[in-house]
Protein backbone atom coordinates (compact mmCIF):
# COMPACT_ATOMS: atom_id res chain seq x y z
CA MET A 1 0.00 0.00 0.00
CA ALA A 2 2.83 2.40 0.86
CA ASP A 3 4.42 1.84 -2.55
CA ASP A 4 1.08 2.44 -4.26
CA LEU A 5 0.65 5.66 -2.28
CA LEU A 6 4.16 6.78 -3.24
CA LYS A 7 3.45 6.17 -6.92
CA GLU A 8 0.18 8.08 -6.69
CA THR A 9 1.86 10.95 -4.85
CA ILE A 10 4.61 11.28 -7.45
CA ARG A 11 2.13 11.04 -10.33
CA LEU A 12 -0.14 13.73 -8.90
CA ARG A 13 2.51 16.06 -7.50
CA TYR A 14 5.49 16.03 -9.80
CA PRO A 15 4.19 18.66 -12.27
CA ARG A 16 2.82 20.69 -9.38
CA LEU A 17 6.04 20.87 -7.42
CA LEU A 18 7.94 21.98 -10.52
CA ALA A 19 5.33 24.67 -11.20
CA SER A 20 5.63 25.92 -7.62
CA GLY A 21 9.38 26.50 -7.97
CA VAL A 22 11.11 23.24 -7.09
CA ASP A 23 14.31 22.92 -9.10
CA TYR A 24 14.17 19.99 -11.54
CA ASN A 25 17.58 18.69 -10.48
CA ASP A 26 16.59 18.79 -6.81
CA ALA A 27 13.38 16.94 -7.62
CA GLN A 28 15.33 14.21 -9.38
CA THR A 29 17.77 13.95 -6.49
CA VAL A 30 15.09 13.75 -3.80
CA LEU A 31 12.88 11.31 -5.66
CA GLY A 32 15.93 9.15 -6.34
CA ARG A 33 16.44 8.82 -2.58
CA ILE A 34 12.86 7.91 -1.72
CA ARG A 35 12.17 4.19 -1.57
CA ARG A 36 8.99 4.20 0.54
CA PHE A 37 6.19 6.68 1.04
CA GLU A 38 7.35 7.05 4.66
CA ASP A 39 10.58 8.63 3.34
CA TRP A 40 8.82 11.45 1.51
CA CYS A 41 8.73 14.09 4.22
CA ALA A 42 12.21 13.49 5.64
CA GLU A 43 13.95 13.63 2.26
CA TRP A 44 12.26 16.88 1.26
CA VAL A 45 13.10 18.37 4.65
CA ALA A 46 16.76 17.44 4.15
CA MET A 47 16.82 19.23 0.80
CA ALA A 48 14.99 22.22 2.28
CA ARG A 49 17.60 22.53 5.03
CA ALA A 50 20.37 22.52 2.44
CA HIS A 51 18.78 25.49 0.65
CA GLU A 52 18.09 27.30 3.90
CA ARG A 53 21.79 27.00 4.78
CA LEU A 54 22.66 28.48 1.39
CA GLY A 55 20.36 31.38 2.20
CA ASP A 56 21.93 31.92 5.62
CA GLU A 57 25.40 31.95 4.06
CA ALA A 58 24.34 34.40 1.35
CA LEU A 59 22.75 36.70 3.93
CA ARG A 60 25.90 36.74 6.05
CA GLU A 61 27.85 37.79 2.96
CA GLY A 62 25.41 40.58 2.10
CA ARG A 63 23.92 38.83 -0.94
CA ALA A 64 20.32 39.57 -0.03
CA LEU A 65 18.68 38.71 -3.38
CA THR A 66 20.36 35.29 -3.45
CA ALA A 67 19.39 34.72 0.18
CA GLY A 68 15.74 35.53 -0.48
CA GLU A 69 15.56 33.13 -3.40
CA ALA A 70 17.18 30.35 -1.37
CA PHE A 71 14.79 30.88 1.54
CA VAL A 72 11.79 30.72 -0.80
CA ARG A 73 13.04 27.44 -2.27
CA ALA A 74 13.49 26.09 1.24
CA ALA A 75 9.93 27.07 2.17
CA ILE A 76 8.55 25.38 -0.96
CA TYR A 77 10.54 22.21 -0.24
CA TYR A 78 9.32 22.11 3.36
CA HIS A 79 5.81 22.54 2.00
CA THR A 80 6.27 19.69 -0.46
CA GLY A 81 7.43 17.38 2.31
CA GLN A 82 4.61 18.07 4.75
CA SER A 83 1.74 18.34 2.29
CA VAL A 84 0.97 14.61 2.12
CA PHE A 85 2.24 13.70 5.59
CA PHE A 86 -0.62 12.91 7.98
CA ASP A 87 0.52 9.96 10.12
CA ASP A 88 2.34 12.16 12.65
CA PRO A 89 0.48 15.47 13.16
CA ALA A 90 3.15 16.79 15.53
CA GLU A 91 5.87 16.26 12.92
CA LYS A 92 3.65 17.73 10.21
CA ARG A 93 3.19 20.85 12.31
CA ARG A 94 6.93 21.07 13.02
CA VAL A 95 7.74 21.00 9.29
CA GLN A 96 4.98 23.53 8.57
CA GLU A 97 6.59 25.84 11.12
CA LEU A 98 9.95 25.40 9.39
CA GLN A 99 8.20 26.30 6.14
CA ARG A 100 6.68 29.41 7.69
CA ASP A 101 9.97 30.49 9.25
CA ALA A 102 11.96 30.01 6.04
CA TYR A 103 9.48 32.15 4.12
CA ARG A 104 9.57 34.84 6.81
CA LYS A 105 13.34 35.01 6.36
CA ALA A 106 12.79 35.51 2.63
CA MET A 107 10.09 38.20 2.87
CA PRO A 108 12.18 41.40 3.07
CA HIS A 109 14.52 40.21 0.30
CA LEU A 110 11.90 39.40 -2.34
CA SER A 111 11.17 41.68 -5.28
CA PRO A 112 8.71 43.04 -4.45
CA PRO A 113 8.99 42.24 -0.73
CA ALA A 114 6.26 40.53 1.24
CA GLN A 115 4.63 41.51 4.50
CA GLN A 116 2.61 39.19 6.70
CA LEU A 117 -0.83 40.29 7.87
CA GLU A 118 -3.02 38.75 10.54
CA VAL A 119 -6.70 38.23 9.73
CA PRO A 120 -8.92 38.16 12.84
CA PHE A 121 -11.67 35.58 12.42
CA GLU A 122 -14.22 34.21 14.85
CA GLY A 123 -12.12 34.89 17.94
CA ILE A 124 -8.87 33.55 16.50
CA ALA A 125 -6.86 34.50 13.40
CA PHE A 126 -5.13 33.24 10.28
CA THR A 127 -2.30 34.85 8.34
CA GLY A 128 -1.56 35.90 4.80
CA ASN A 129 1.31 37.32 2.75
CA LEU A 130 0.80 40.63 0.95
CA ARG A 131 3.02 41.65 -1.97
CA VAL A 132 2.46 44.91 -3.83
CA PRO A 133 4.02 45.73 -7.22
CA ARG A 134 6.54 48.56 -7.12
CA GLY A 135 5.28 51.95 -8.23
CA VAL A 136 1.58 51.06 -8.06
CA ARG A 137 -0.26 52.74 -5.15
CA PRO A 138 -2.97 51.92 -4.37
CA ALA A 139 -2.86 48.68 -6.33
CA PRO A 140 -5.62 46.33 -7.37
CA CYS A 141 -5.25 43.06 -5.48
CA VAL A 142 -6.08 39.40 -6.07
CA LEU A 143 -6.78 37.07 -3.14
CA LEU A 144 -5.07 33.72 -3.70
CA ASN A 145 -7.02 30.92 -2.05
CA PRO A 146 -5.20 27.60 -1.56
CA GLY A 147 -6.54 24.13 -2.07
CA ALA A 148 -7.04 21.68 0.75
CA ASP A 149 -3.33 20.85 0.88
CA SER A 150 -1.66 23.92 -0.61
CA THR A 151 -0.39 26.80 1.48
CA LYS A 152 0.34 30.49 1.00
CA GLU A 153 4.09 29.86 0.77
CA GLU A 154 3.55 27.63 -2.27
CA PHE A 155 2.27 30.56 -4.34
CA TYR A 156 5.51 32.51 -4.88
CA THR A 157 5.82 31.75 -8.62
CA LEU A 158 2.09 32.27 -9.16
CA GLU A 159 2.18 35.61 -7.33
CA ASN A 160 4.88 36.84 -9.69
CA GLU A 161 2.54 36.38 -12.68
CA PHE A 162 0.05 38.84 -11.20
CA LEU A 163 2.69 41.21 -9.80
CA ARG A 164 4.34 41.65 -13.19
CA ARG A 165 0.96 42.84 -14.47
CA GLY A 166 0.53 45.46 -11.75
CA VAL A 167 -1.75 43.43 -9.48
CA ALA A 168 -0.93 42.97 -5.79
CA THR A 169 -1.34 39.51 -4.27
CA PHE A 170 -2.60 38.34 -0.90
CA SER A 171 -1.95 34.62 -0.34
CA TYR A 172 -3.48 33.22 2.83
CA ASP A 173 -4.20 30.02 4.71
CA GLY A 174 -7.89 29.99 5.55
CA PRO A 175 -9.67 27.56 7.89
CA GLY A 176 -8.22 24.05 7.67
CA GLN A 177 -5.32 25.15 5.45
CA GLY A 178 -1.63 25.45 6.33
CA LEU A 179 -0.99 25.96 10.03
CA THR A 180 -4.63 26.73 10.79
CA TRP A 181 -5.69 23.08 10.99
CA ALA A 182 -5.18 22.76 14.75
CA ALA A 183 -7.65 25.58 15.49
CA MET A 184 -9.93 25.64 12.43
CA LYS A 185 -11.20 23.07 9.95
CA LEU A 186 -12.21 23.22 6.31
CA ARG A 187 -15.67 24.74 6.09
CA PRO A 188 -18.23 25.04 3.30
CA ASP A 189 -19.11 28.72 3.89
CA PHE A 190 -15.79 30.12 2.72
CA GLU A 191 -17.37 33.47 2.01
CA LYS A 192 -17.02 34.19 5.74
CA PRO A 193 -13.21 33.93 6.03
CA VAL A 194 -12.90 35.66 2.66
CA GLY A 195 -14.98 38.51 4.05
CA ALA A 196 -12.56 38.74 6.98
CA VAL A 197 -9.65 38.97 4.51
CA ILE A 198 -11.35 41.81 2.64
CA ASP A 199 -11.97 43.64 5.92
CA VAL A 200 -8.22 43.63 6.58
CA LEU A 201 -7.21 44.60 3.04
CA ALA A 202 -9.68 47.49 3.13
CA THR A 203 -7.55 49.08 5.88
CA ARG A 204 -4.33 48.96 3.83
CA PRO A 205 -3.44 52.21 2.04
CA GLU A 206 -1.33 50.36 -0.53
CA VAL A 207 -4.34 48.30 -1.67
CA ASP A 208 -7.27 49.60 -3.70
CA ALA A 209 -10.19 47.90 -1.95
CA ARG A 210 -12.49 48.90 -4.82
CA ARG A 211 -10.54 46.59 -7.15
CA LEU A 212 -10.33 43.17 -5.52
CA GLY A 213 -10.43 39.80 -7.25
CA ILE A 214 -10.21 36.24 -6.01
CA TRP A 215 -8.47 33.16 -7.43
CA GLY A 216 -8.65 29.58 -6.15
CA ARG A 217 -7.22 26.18 -7.08
CA SER A 218 -8.84 22.77 -6.50
CA PHE A 219 -10.65 23.14 -3.17
CA GLY A 220 -9.98 26.85 -3.59
CA GLY A 221 -11.67 26.50 -6.99
CA TYR A 222 -14.81 25.78 -5.00
CA ALA A 223 -14.11 28.37 -2.30
CA ALA A 224 -13.47 31.28 -4.70
CA PRO A 225 -16.81 31.15 -6.58
CA ARG A 226 -18.57 30.37 -3.32
CA ALA A 227 -17.12 33.56 -1.83
CA ALA A 228 -17.85 35.64 -4.95
CA SER A 229 -21.47 34.47 -4.87
CA PHE A 230 -22.00 36.20 -1.53
CA GLU A 231 -19.26 38.83 -1.22
CA ARG A 232 -20.13 41.90 -3.31
CA ARG A 233 -16.76 43.55 -2.66
CA LEU A 234 -15.13 41.15 -5.13
CA SER A 235 -14.92 42.47 -8.70
CA ALA A 236 -13.63 39.35 -10.48
CA CYS A 237 -13.27 35.63 -9.80
CA ILE A 238 -11.13 32.79 -11.19
CA SER A 239 -11.64 29.10 -10.42
CA ILE A 240 -9.17 26.49 -11.69
CA GLY A 241 -9.72 22.77 -11.21
CA GLY A 242 -12.60 23.31 -8.79
CA PHE A 243 -15.63 21.21 -7.98
CA TYR A 244 -19.34 21.91 -7.89
CA ASP A 245 -20.33 19.19 -5.42
CA LEU A 246 -17.71 17.41 -3.32
CA ALA A 247 -19.90 14.49 -2.28
CA GLY A 248 -20.76 13.84 -5.91
CA ILE A 249 -17.11 13.24 -6.87
CA TRP A 250 -15.95 11.70 -3.58
CA ASP A 251 -15.83 8.07 -4.72
CA ARG A 252 -13.58 8.87 -7.69
CA LEU A 253 -11.04 10.89 -5.70
CA PRO A 254 -7.50 9.45 -5.39
CA ALA A 255 -6.68 8.01 -1.96
CA SER A 256 -4.14 10.74 -1.21
CA VAL A 257 -6.75 13.45 -1.90
CA LYS A 258 -9.22 11.73 0.42
CA ASP A 259 -6.48 11.65 3.08
CA THR A 260 -5.93 15.38 2.62
CA LEU A 261 -9.62 16.20 2.95
CA ARG A 262 -10.06 13.91 5.94
CA PHE A 263 -7.22 15.69 7.70
CA GLY A 264 -8.46 19.16 6.79
CA LEU A 265 -11.96 18.31 7.98
CA GLY A 266 -10.60 16.98 11.27
CA VAL A 267 -12.24 13.55 11.11
CA ALA A 268 -10.84 10.07 11.64
CA SER A 269 -11.96 8.19 8.53
CA HIS A 270 -12.75 8.53 4.85
CA GLU A 271 -16.33 7.55 5.66
CA ALA A 272 -16.71 10.43 8.09
CA ALA A 273 -15.12 12.80 5.59
CA ARG A 274 -17.51 11.61 2.89
CA ALA A 275 -20.44 12.45 5.15
CA ARG A 276 -19.04 15.94 5.80
CA ALA A 277 -18.50 16.43 2.08
CA ARG A 278 -22.25 16.76 1.48
CA ALA A 279 -22.13 20.32 2.85
CA PHE A 280 -19.54 21.43 0.26
CA THR A 281 -21.70 22.31 -2.70
CA LEU A 282 -22.30 25.34 -4.90
CA ALA A 283 -25.92 24.38 -5.50
CA GLY A 284 -28.13 27.39 -4.95
CA ALA A 285 -25.24 29.82 -4.47
CA LEU A 286 -24.03 30.52 -8.00
CA PRO A 287 -26.92 32.69 -9.23
CA GLY A 288 -25.52 35.32 -6.85
CA LEU A 289 -22.14 35.34 -8.61
CA ALA A 290 -22.58 38.52 -10.62
CA CYS A 291 -18.98 39.64 -11.21
CA PRO A 292 -16.91 38.57 -14.25
CA PHE A 293 -15.96 34.93 -13.76
CA LEU A 294 -13.26 32.84 -15.46
CA ILE A 295 -13.28 29.06 -15.05
CA VAL A 296 -10.23 27.06 -16.13
CA HIS A 297 -10.24 23.29 -16.24
CA SER A 298 -8.32 20.36 -17.67
CA GLY A 299 -9.31 17.51 -19.90
CA LEU A 300 -7.04 15.04 -18.06
CA ASP A 301 -8.02 16.03 -14.52
CA THR A 302 -8.14 12.86 -12.39
CA VAL A 303 -9.26 14.73 -9.26
CA CYS A 304 -12.08 17.07 -10.29
CA PRO A 305 -13.69 16.11 -13.63
CA VAL A 306 -14.30 18.85 -16.17
CA GLU A 307 -18.03 18.26 -15.88
CA GLU A 308 -17.89 19.97 -12.47
CA SER A 309 -16.80 23.22 -14.10
CA GLU A 310 -19.47 22.87 -16.76
CA ARG A 311 -22.08 22.69 -13.99
CA ILE A 312 -20.58 25.80 -12.38
CA ARG A 313 -20.67 27.70 -15.69
CA LYS A 314 -24.31 26.89 -16.31
CA GLU A 315 -25.45 28.25 -12.95
CA ALA A 316 -23.22 31.31 -12.55
CA GLY A 317 -25.28 34.49 -12.55
CA GLY A 318 -22.84 36.88 -14.23
CA PRO A 319 -20.61 36.99 -17.34
CA THR A 320 -18.78 33.66 -17.29
CA THR A 321 -16.06 32.13 -19.48
CA LEU A 322 -14.98 28.48 -19.34
CA VAL A 323 -11.58 27.56 -20.81
CA VAL A 324 -10.68 23.86 -21.01
CA PHE A 325 -7.15 22.70 -21.82
CA PRO A 326 -7.56 19.13 -23.16
CA GLU A 327 -3.95 18.21 -22.30
CA GLY A 328 -3.98 19.66 -18.79
CA ASN A 329 -3.73 17.65 -15.59
CA HIS A 330 -5.33 18.71 -12.30
CA VAL A 331 -5.13 22.53 -12.04
CA CYS A 332 -3.07 22.58 -15.27
CA ASP A 333 0.14 22.18 -13.27
CA ASN A 334 1.72 20.46 -16.27
CA ILE A 335 1.11 23.51 -18.52
CA PRO A 336 1.64 26.54 -16.27
CA TYR A 337 3.05 28.49 -19.22
CA LYS A 338 -0.42 28.35 -20.80
CA ALA A 339 -2.82 28.58 -17.87
CA ARG A 340 -1.09 31.08 -15.61
CA PRO A 341 -0.55 33.92 -18.11
CA LEU A 342 -4.13 33.48 -19.29
CA MET A 343 -5.46 33.88 -15.75
CA ALA A 344 -3.13 36.74 -14.80
CA ASP A 345 -3.93 38.68 -17.99
CA TRP A 346 -7.66 38.16 -17.48
CA MET A 347 -7.57 39.28 -13.85
CA ALA A 348 -5.43 42.35 -14.58
CA ARG A 349 -7.79 43.47 -17.36
CA ARG A 350 -10.90 43.01 -15.23
CA LEU A 351 -9.48 44.89 -12.24
CA GLU A 352 -8.15 47.69 -14.45
CA ALA A 353 -11.68 48.15 -15.81
CA GLN A 354 -13.16 48.79 -12.35
């Protein structure tokens, strides 16, 4: 079973980790060392530490740009290691904290730099990373909503697509995502945490709160249109690889995806997670989605079938465009050079028009 899980993990994640910024040579080295699924986290952590040491050395020598890039790679490698690691929650949390700390070391040395904001929510809080393009004040901003197993630190390369087009980015870990899982669980009404994010961004002088968009991948591809259906402060929405009804696709999900959702929902079994999945549906919500809406999906998606996006398109209340890449895998991670510029261009144009 462990070998089967390792094969599934590599098949599903290899294009994704390259798209997120993992160096190809490092990927080959790490995967060449892994013999069992149980080795996954430890080997990625070892490679992350090597890059973090390179960053520390560069920073001591005054090479800040090099240091920032090394720290970002370290954060992405820590993320890759912990993202499918559920057997030891304490170790998962430790690696997530290493991921967070490595990214914090990178933040002032990025171009443009990042700043971390706290989002108060229902008596607790979650965090996000704000990056604003140089020379644009106040800037339009896109909220980047992770999937069930992605985190804000994974979005560095994606952020750069929007930033180059004059759009600020706010990447955040909402309920059940990243380090929030101990205090909050995945929830169907994602418009509520998104509303809390907008409340915070509305106080920032460098952000134009009249020009806010939202983007989401996979689970975030459900959360983004869900939020835009209720939150009128959003001017544009992108969903990539999202689902319409989680319970309806549950039985076809890969085992590793079911593990991720079970963990994020805070339940002990796939059966319990399947029962919770019935609440995660866009039925009845989408007629309220009035802003411009771009849906991107993939013909070879083995997680969320393209029919889910077709259902979303049919029920959305506003101007909606569906783009399907026949050769794309889940979230088009195997063709980022096609999907990402398309989405960034679309978002920039829509927010400029506001």
